Amino acid sequence: MNSTAAEAGAPERAPGSTQHPAVQGAPAEESGATRPRDRLSRQNLAGWLFSTPFLSLFLTFMAFPIVATLVMSFTDFGLRNVTDPLSVNFVGFDNYTKLFEDEKFVRALFNTCYFVVLGVPLTIGSGLLAAVLLNSGIDRMRTFFRVGFYAPVVTAIVAVAVIWRFVLDPGEGLIAGLGHQIGLDTPDFLGSEALAMPSLIVMAVWRNMGTAMVLFLAGLQAIPTDVREAARIDGAGVFQEFRRITVPLLRPTMLYVAVMTSIGFLNVFEEPFVMTDGGPSDSTLTISLHMYREGFNFFHMGYASAMAYVLFVIVLAVTLLQLRLLKDKTA
């Protein structure tokens, strides 16, 4: 009877069926296979929870203002719309077309390009020269010189501006005092249309060369010594070694320094704002300073937003151009 019951309870299989009894264990294997997925989903959930504070701050103070500024650039948003934002009018691309009809903006664009074209190469060149000297030419007090070159970078721009205004003052400045000692008249560096922007460029190069120096110094120290020794054995001189060995191996560092310095110089604001307030006769007016005046002095928020995105496009174009020019050589 037991055998009969077992036969009665057993499922019938069709003749020729190849089903294996082990198939009965398939549901257990499937449930086991889902466990790594459950652990992965819990890990993802934990990661998102830990990222929530940063994402909240980013969305609130970065992403939302960026999108709001883009929308605002197509409107005539002004002071009257602060209390009633819904009364704003959509003007399309009028703000962008007005930019290139604005003489002040065209002058600010020219001044910014002038600042970048002269300032960036001087900053890179002076930083590279200081790095080479500190890496091989100066043996004593090397740490002292490193700190001295980098100190202006971490010094507040207001303090730097006050010092440089005293140095360049035509009446009681340091340069004027030295000039009087030898019987020379000192020009008004910040009051002259021809000398105001070059004076700001000199100050900006002096203040930013420390960053370039530190980066180039790290790149120089990463160059293998056996490469230099092989070049010297082959008869390469100092300048040949610098041109054939140092500069090619420093191209990735040079690319980074060029991109970051260009972005900073295109957004120049503090130097003309503190030193000259854009004068004399708008000779030191930059895009950032003009944008600040339009947005916070005259409350033309829509117009200032359009100016900000034009500056963004310029920064993006300059960055892509630098990456394009140095891409093959740094690959």
Foldseek 3Di string as FASTA:
>chain_A
DVVVVVVVPDDDDDPPDPDDPCVVCVVVVVVVVCVVVVVVVVVVVVVVVVCVVVVVCCVVPPVVVLVVLVQLLQWQFFPVCPVPVVPIGGNGCPLVVVQVVDPLNVLQAVLLVVLLVPQLVLLLVVLLVLLVCLQPVDDPPSVVVLCVQQVLQPDDLLVLLVLLCQQQPQPRHPVNVVQVVVVHRHDNQCADLVRNSVSLSVSVSSNRSSVSNVLLNVQVVPQDPVVVVVCVVVPDDPVRCCVVPVVLSCLVSSLVSSLVVSLDSLLDDSSCVNNPLCDDVNSNNHLNSVLCCVCPVVGSSNSSSSSVVVSVVVSVVVSVVSCVVCVVSVD
